C-alpha atoms as a PDB file:
ATOM      1  CA  MET A   1    -196.548  41.698 -12.244  1.00  0.00           C
ATOM      2  CA  LYS A   2    -198.590  38.646 -11.328  1.00  0.00           C
ATOM      3  CA  ARG A   3    -202.206  38.621 -12.389  1.00  0.00           C
ATOM      4  CA  THR A   4    -204.793  38.024  -9.715  1.00  0.00           C
ATOM      5  CA  THR A   5    -208.316  37.208 -10.928  1.00  0.00           C
ATOM      6  CA  LYS A   6    -211.534  38.799  -9.745  1.00  0.00           C
ATOM      7  CA  LYS A   7    -212.096  35.630  -7.702  1.00  0.00           C
ATOM      8  CA  GLN A   8    -209.738  36.931  -5.033  1.00  0.00           C
ATOM      9  CA  LYS A   9    -211.502  37.042  -1.652  1.00  0.00           C
ATOM     10  CA  GLY A  10    -211.104  39.625   1.092  1.00  0.00           C
ATOM     11  CA  GLY A  11    -211.752  43.302   1.616  1.00  0.00           C
ATOM     12  CA  PHE A  12    -209.200  44.492  -0.917  1.00  0.00           C
ATOM     13  CA  ILE A  13    -211.334  44.771  -4.057  1.00  0.00           C
ATOM     14  CA  ARG A  14    -214.335  46.515  -2.369  1.00  0.00           C
ATOM     15  CA  PRO A  15    -212.475  49.676  -1.495  1.00  0.00           C
ATOM     16  CA  PHE A  16    -211.352  50.059  -5.065  1.00  0.00           C
ATOM     17  CA  VAL A  17    -214.893  49.603  -6.353  1.00  0.00           C
ATOM     18  CA  LEU A  18    -216.247  52.083  -3.871  1.00  0.00           C
ATOM     19  CA  GLN A  19    -213.467  54.524  -4.656  1.00  0.00           C
ATOM     20  CA  PHE A  20    -214.397  54.700  -8.321  1.00  0.00           C
ATOM     21  CA  ILE A  21    -218.095  54.887  -7.629  1.00  0.00           C
ATOM     22  CA  LEU A  22    -218.014  57.510  -4.841  1.00  0.00           C
ATOM     23  CA  LEU A  23    -214.829  59.471  -5.463  1.00  0.00           C
ATOM     24  CA  PRO A  24    -216.025  61.430  -8.560  1.00  0.00           C
ATOM     25  CA  PHE A  25    -219.211  62.404  -6.656  1.00  0.00           C
ATOM     26  CA  PHE A  26    -217.310  63.724  -3.666  1.00  0.00           C
ATOM     27  CA  LEU A  27    -214.625  65.444  -5.729  1.00  0.00           C
ATOM     28  CA  SER A  28    -217.163  67.190  -7.966  1.00  0.00           C
ATOM     29  CA  LEU A  29    -218.582  68.793  -4.784  1.00  0.00           C
ATOM     30  CA  VAL A  30    -215.063  69.538  -3.510  1.00  0.00           C
ATOM     31  CA  SER A  31    -216.373  69.163  -0.001  1.00  0.00           C
ATOM     32  CA  LEU A  32    -214.140  68.433   2.901  1.00  0.00           C
ATOM     33  CA  ALA A  33    -217.249  68.235   5.128  1.00  0.00           C
ATOM     34  CA  GLN A  34    -215.608  70.257   7.857  1.00  0.00           C
ATOM     35  CA  ALA A  35    -218.367  71.732  10.021  1.00  0.00           C
ATOM     36  CA  GLY A  36    -220.775  71.175   7.120  1.00  0.00           C
ATOM     37  CA  ASN A  37    -219.039  73.722   4.907  1.00  0.00           C
ATOM     38  CA  LEU A  38    -218.950  73.227   1.115  1.00  0.00           C
ATOM     39  CA  LEU A  39    -215.691  74.448  -0.315  1.00  0.00           C
ATOM     40  CA  GLU A  40    -215.764  75.594  -3.953  1.00  0.00           C
ATOM     41  CA  LEU A  41    -212.927  75.968  -6.440  1.00  0.00           C
ATOM     42  CA  PRO A  42    -212.399  79.387  -7.996  1.00  0.00           C
ATOM     43  CA  GLY A  43    -213.336  80.155 -11.584  1.00  0.00           C
ATOM     44  CA  LYS A  44    -215.576  78.168 -13.858  1.00  0.00           C
ATOM     45  CA  LEU A  45    -216.988  74.872 -12.571  1.00  0.00           C
ATOM     46  CA  TYR A  46    -214.801  72.254 -14.138  1.00  0.00           C
ATOM     47  CA  PRO A  47    -215.120  68.638 -12.925  1.00  0.00           C
ATOM     48  CA  ALA A  48    -212.488  67.630 -10.326  1.00  0.00           C
ATOM     49  CA  LEU A  49    -211.082  64.185 -11.015  1.00  0.00           C
ATOM     50  CA  CYS A  50    -208.344  63.561  -8.496  1.00  0.00           C
ATOM     51  CA  ILE A  51    -206.916  64.890  -5.217  1.00  0.00           C
ATOM     52  CA  CYS A  52    -203.722  64.504  -3.248  1.00  0.00           C
ATOM     53  CA  PHE A  53    -202.715  65.917   0.170  1.00  0.00           C
ATOM     54  CA  PRO A  54    -199.128  65.017   1.238  1.00  0.00           C
ATOM     55  CA  ASP A  55    -199.745  66.715   4.582  1.00  0.00           C
ATOM     56  CA  ASN A  56    -202.742  68.324   6.281  1.00  0.00           C
ATOM     57  CA  ARG A  57    -202.198  71.836   4.708  1.00  0.00           C
ATOM     58  CA  GLU A  58    -200.797  71.383   1.186  1.00  0.00           C
ATOM     59  CA  GLY A  59    -203.052  69.824  -1.391  1.00  0.00           C
ATOM     60  CA  TRP A  60    -203.734  69.594  -5.123  1.00  0.00           C
ATOM     61  CA  ILE A  61    -206.774  68.775  -7.241  1.00  0.00           C
ATOM     62  CA  GLY A  62    -206.630  67.857 -10.932  1.00  0.00           C
ATOM     63  CA  GLY A  63    -209.521  68.101 -13.376  1.00  0.00           C
ATOM     64  CA  HIS A  64    -210.760  68.652 -16.882  1.00  0.00           C
ATOM     65  CA  PHE A  65    -208.905  70.807 -19.392  1.00  0.00           C
ATOM     66  CA  GLY A  66    -205.629  70.558 -17.513  1.00  0.00           C
ATOM     67  CA  ARG A  67    -206.905  72.343 -14.452  1.00  0.00           C
ATOM     68  CA  ILE A  68    -204.801  71.955 -11.329  1.00  0.00           C
ATOM     69  CA  TRP A  69    -205.778  73.800  -8.117  1.00  0.00           C
ATOM     70  CA  HIS A  70    -203.536  74.130  -5.027  1.00  0.00           C
ATOM     71  CA  THR A  71    -204.265  74.921  -1.391  1.00  0.00           C
ATOM     72  CA  SER A  72    -201.759  75.746   1.352  1.00  0.00           C
ATOM     73  CA  ASP A  73    -204.275  76.124   4.130  1.00  0.00           C
ATOM     74  CA  GLY A  74    -205.992  72.791   4.216  1.00  0.00           C
ATOM     75  CA  GLY A  75    -208.556  73.605   1.594  1.00  0.00           C
ATOM     76  CA  LYS A  76    -209.989  76.917   2.727  1.00  0.00           C
ATOM     77  CA  ARG A  77    -208.634  78.764  -0.325  1.00  0.00           C
ATOM     78  CA  TRP A  78    -207.720  77.235  -3.715  1.00  0.00           C
ATOM     79  CA  VAL A  79    -205.476  78.777  -6.384  1.00  0.00           C
ATOM     80  CA  LEU A  80    -205.367  77.707 -10.037  1.00  0.00           C
ATOM     81  CA  GLN A  81    -201.944  76.626 -11.243  1.00  0.00           C
ATOM     82  CA  ASP A  82    -200.758  76.688 -14.900  1.00  0.00           C
ATOM     83  CA  SER A  83    -200.236  73.096 -15.960  1.00  0.00           C
ATOM     84  CA  HIS A  84    -199.379  74.032 -19.543  1.00  0.00           C
ATOM     85  CA  THR A  85    -201.799  71.507 -20.920  1.00  0.00           C
ATOM     86  CA  ARG A  86    -205.462  71.263 -21.943  1.00  0.00           C
ATOM     87  CA  GLU A  87    -205.624  67.491 -21.442  1.00  0.00           C
ATOM     88  CA  ASN A  88    -207.703  66.172 -18.600  1.00  0.00           C
ATOM     89  CA  ILE A  89    -205.760  65.397 -15.401  1.00  0.00           C
ATOM     90  CA  ALA A  90    -206.869  61.897 -14.360  1.00  0.00           C
ATOM     91  CA  ASP A  91    -204.622  61.457 -11.353  1.00  0.00           C
ATOM     92  CA  ILE A  92    -202.153  63.489  -9.267  1.00  0.00           C
ATOM     93  CA  TYR A  93    -199.609  62.372  -6.663  1.00  0.00           C
ATOM     94  CA  PHE A  94    -197.124  64.224  -4.443  1.00  0.00           C
ATOM     95  CA  VAL A  95    -194.347  62.592  -2.442  1.00  0.00           C
ATOM     96  CA  ASP A  96    -193.881  65.825  -0.458  1.00  0.00           C
ATOM     97  CA  THR A  97    -195.021  69.396  -0.716  1.00  0.00           C
ATOM     98  CA  LYS A  98    -192.681  70.159  -3.635  1.00  0.00           C
ATOM     99  CA  ASN A  99    -192.455  67.064  -5.849  1.00  0.00           C
ATOM    100  CA  GLY A 100    -195.453  65.869  -7.736  1.00  0.00           C
ATOM    101  CA  TRP A 101    -196.634  64.184 -10.903  1.00  0.00           C
ATOM    102  CA  ALA A 102    -199.951  64.380 -12.785  1.00  0.00           C
ATOM    103  CA  VAL A 103    -201.121  62.046 -15.615  1.00  0.00           C
ATOM    104  CA  GLY A 104    -203.989  61.966 -18.015  1.00  0.00           C
ATOM    105  CA  TYR A 105    -205.202  61.756 -21.583  1.00  0.00           C
ATOM    106  CA  ALA A 106    -203.031  61.378 -24.740  1.00  0.00           C
ATOM    107  CA  GLY A 107    -199.966  60.175 -22.844  1.00  0.00           C
ATOM    108  CA  LEU A 108    -199.908  63.123 -20.469  1.00  0.00           C
ATOM    109  CA  ILE A 109    -197.219  63.038 -17.788  1.00  0.00           C
ATOM    110  CA  ILE A 110    -196.291  66.311 -16.028  1.00  0.00           C
ATOM    111  CA  HIS A 111    -193.991  66.946 -13.093  1.00  0.00           C
ATOM    112  CA  THR A 112    -193.253  69.767 -10.655  1.00  0.00           C
ATOM    113  CA  SER A 113    -190.403  70.095  -8.260  1.00  0.00           C
ATOM    114  CA  ASP A 114    -191.480  73.408  -6.732  1.00  0.00           C
ATOM    115  CA  GLY A 115    -195.012  72.693  -5.527  1.00  0.00           C
ATOM    116  CA  GLY A 116    -196.661  73.377  -8.851  1.00  0.00           C
ATOM    117  CA  LYS A 117    -195.349  76.879  -9.582  1.00  0.00           C
ATOM    118  CA  ARG A 118    -193.941  75.266 -12.723  1.00  0.00           C
ATOM    119  CA  TRP A 119    -195.209  72.070 -14.331  1.00  0.00           C
ATOM    120  CA  VAL A 120    -192.971  70.378 -16.934  1.00  0.00           C
ATOM    121  CA  ARG A 121    -194.112  67.764 -19.425  1.00  0.00           C
ATOM    122  CA  GLN A 122    -192.259  64.435 -19.305  1.00  0.00           C
ATOM    123  CA  ASN A 123    -191.881  62.052 -22.243  1.00  0.00           C
ATOM    124  CA  SER A 124    -194.195  59.093 -22.352  1.00  0.00           C
ATOM    125  CA  PRO A 125    -193.132  56.085 -24.463  1.00  0.00           C
ATOM    126  CA  LEU A 126    -196.783  55.558 -25.344  1.00  0.00           C
ATOM    127  CA  GLY A 127    -199.659  57.961 -26.095  1.00  0.00           C
ATOM    128  CA  TYR A 128    -202.057  56.056 -23.900  1.00  0.00           C
ATOM    129  CA  PHE A 129    -204.622  57.417 -21.481  1.00  0.00           C
ATOM    130  CA  TRP A 130    -202.910  57.270 -18.075  1.00  0.00           C
ATOM    131  CA  LYS A 131    -205.316  56.890 -15.194  1.00  0.00           C
ATOM    132  CA  ALA A 132    -203.152  56.422 -12.134  1.00  0.00           C
ATOM    133  CA  VAL A 133    -199.726  57.498 -10.730  1.00  0.00           C
ATOM    134  CA  TYR A 134    -197.794  56.531  -7.652  1.00  0.00           C
ATOM    135  CA  PHE A 135    -194.315  57.437  -6.465  1.00  0.00           C
ATOM    136  CA  LYS A 136    -192.351  55.832  -3.663  1.00  0.00           C
ATOM    137  CA  ASP A 137    -189.941  58.735  -3.439  1.00  0.00           C
ATOM    138  CA  LYS A 138    -188.654  61.531  -5.761  1.00  0.00           C
ATOM    139  CA  LYS A 139    -186.958  58.936  -8.081  1.00  0.00           C
ATOM    140  CA  GLN A 140    -189.036  55.723  -8.195  1.00  0.00           C
ATOM    141  CA  GLY A 141    -192.590  55.760  -9.523  1.00  0.00           C
ATOM    142  CA  TRP A 142    -195.192  54.025 -11.658  1.00  0.00           C
ATOM    143  CA  ILE A 143    -198.107  54.990 -13.853  1.00  0.00           C
ATOM    144  CA  ALA A 144    -200.916  52.802 -15.122  1.00  0.00           C
ATOM    145  CA  GLY A 145    -203.721  53.128 -17.642  1.00  0.00           C
ATOM    146  CA  GLU A 146    -204.984  52.075 -21.062  1.00  0.00           C
ATOM    147  CA  MET A 147    -204.213  48.746 -22.725  1.00  0.00           C
ATOM    148  CA  GLY A 148    -203.304  47.079 -19.431  1.00  0.00           C
ATOM    149  CA  THR A 149    -200.070  49.116 -19.316  1.00  0.00           C
ATOM    150  CA  VAL A 150    -197.833  49.934 -16.380  1.00  0.00           C
ATOM    151  CA  LEU A 151    -194.778  52.179 -16.829  1.00  0.00           C
ATOM    152  CA  GLY A 152    -191.983  52.543 -14.301  1.00  0.00           C
ATOM    153  CA  THR A 153    -189.217  55.047 -13.697  1.00  0.00           C
ATOM    154  CA  GLU A 154    -186.174  55.169 -11.444  1.00  0.00           C
ATOM    155  CA  ASP A 155    -185.079  58.717 -12.314  1.00  0.00           C
ATOM    156  CA  GLY A 156    -188.059  60.832 -11.403  1.00  0.00           C
ATOM    157  CA  GLY A 157    -189.722  60.385 -14.744  1.00  0.00           C
ATOM    158  CA  LYS A 158    -186.931  61.544 -17.047  1.00  0.00           C
ATOM    159  CA  THR A 159    -187.235  58.083 -18.604  1.00  0.00           C
ATOM    160  CA  TRP A 160    -190.044  55.577 -18.428  1.00  0.00           C
ATOM    161  CA  LYS A 161    -189.960  51.910 -19.256  1.00  0.00           C
ATOM    162  CA  ILE A 162    -192.859  49.611 -20.103  1.00  0.00           C
ATOM    163  CA  LEU A 163    -193.317  47.007 -17.314  1.00  0.00           C
ATOM    164  CA  ILE A 164    -196.453  45.341 -18.642  1.00  0.00           C
ATOM    165  CA  THR A 165    -198.776  45.984 -21.534  1.00  0.00           C
ATOM    166  CA  GLY A 166    -201.174  44.217 -23.917  1.00  0.00           C
ATOM    167  CA  ASP A 167    -204.376  43.470 -22.094  1.00  0.00           C
ATOM    168  CA  ASP A 168    -207.496  45.020 -23.589  1.00  0.00           C
ATOM    169  CA  LEU A 169    -208.488  46.744 -20.338  1.00  0.00           C
ATOM    170  CA  ILE A 170    -207.771  49.897 -18.408  1.00  0.00           C
ATOM    171  CA  PHE A 171    -205.975  50.040 -15.086  1.00  0.00           C
ATOM    172  CA  ASN A 172    -207.693  52.515 -12.852  1.00  0.00           C
ATOM    173  CA  SER A 173    -205.527  52.610  -9.719  1.00  0.00           C
ATOM    174  CA  ILE A 174    -201.971  51.706  -8.594  1.00  0.00           C
ATOM    175  CA  THR A 175    -200.471  51.526  -5.117  1.00  0.00           C
ATOM    176  CA  PHE A 176    -197.393  50.200  -3.309  1.00  0.00           C
ATOM    177  CA  SER A 177    -196.702  49.175   0.300  1.00  0.00           C
ATOM    178  CA  PRO A 178    -193.691  50.601   2.130  1.00  0.00           C
ATOM    179  CA  GLU A 179    -192.056  47.183   1.689  1.00  0.00           C
ATOM    180  CA  GLY A 180    -192.199  47.482  -2.134  1.00  0.00           C
ATOM    181  CA  ASP A 181    -195.166  45.234  -2.933  1.00  0.00           C
ATOM    182  CA  GLY A 182    -197.422  46.728  -5.635  1.00  0.00           C
ATOM    183  CA  TRP A 183    -200.901  46.297  -7.034  1.00  0.00           C
ATOM    184  CA  VAL A 184    -202.840  47.619  -9.974  1.00  0.00           C
ATOM    185  CA  ALA A 185    -206.577  47.326 -10.205  1.00  0.00           C
ATOM    186  CA  GLY A 186    -208.486  47.595 -13.442  1.00  0.00           C
ATOM    187  CA  GLU A 187    -211.657  46.877 -15.411  1.00  0.00           C
ATOM    188  CA  PHE A 188    -213.506  43.551 -14.993  1.00  0.00           C
ATOM    189  CA  GLY A 189    -212.206  43.060 -11.518  1.00  0.00           C
ATOM    190  CA  VAL A 190    -208.638  42.436 -12.701  1.00  0.00           C
ATOM    191  CA  ILE A 191    -205.871  42.931 -10.141  1.00  0.00           C
ATOM    192  CA  TYR A 192    -202.148  42.437 -10.800  1.00  0.00           C
ATOM    193  CA  ALA A 193    -199.641  42.085  -7.952  1.00  0.00           C
ATOM    194  CA  SER A 194    -195.859  42.550  -7.968  1.00  0.00           C
ATOM    195  CA  HIS A 195    -193.096  42.001  -5.498  1.00  0.00           C
ATOM    196  CA  ASP A 196    -190.363  43.354  -7.739  1.00  0.00           C
ATOM    197  CA  ALA A 197    -191.776  46.100  -9.996  1.00  0.00           C
ATOM    198  CA  ARG A 198    -188.781  47.723 -11.609  1.00  0.00           C
END
């Protein structure tokens, strides 16, 4: 991946900054702001850290202590799923309503192929804190996090390879365009770009 410094101009950096300032606030409220209704997660109030809706009905929220909640009605009702972990879920991503991945502390990578009825731990080559996950399809995906590290997979996460590592910073977000161009954003305004992330 090619490093782009914080001097990069344009509207790209601002959404990332706003995302990390405002997203935790909005997720902790778990409000979809539909008709002014505040939606609450069932059970104890654990902080929600991430959210993913692959369509307008099915969605997942990840949070502290391995909590993953699922909705199949657009967020009116949430059900707690068993993630088989107590590690915090920092990010969650679904490519469709069945196939999803969640990442977090202590090298946590978990995967489901049945909409979260069963979450299975995947092997991480490093025990780093993973903060972001993105999948292009059921096979090709990337995770990013601590120590300026990005991992890639081409087999749905059965194996992960290190694409970049070594910077003393944390990557907070990763995304790819439909054409295959990718970006990771991290601390200190650092952005890396790639046109061939494999």
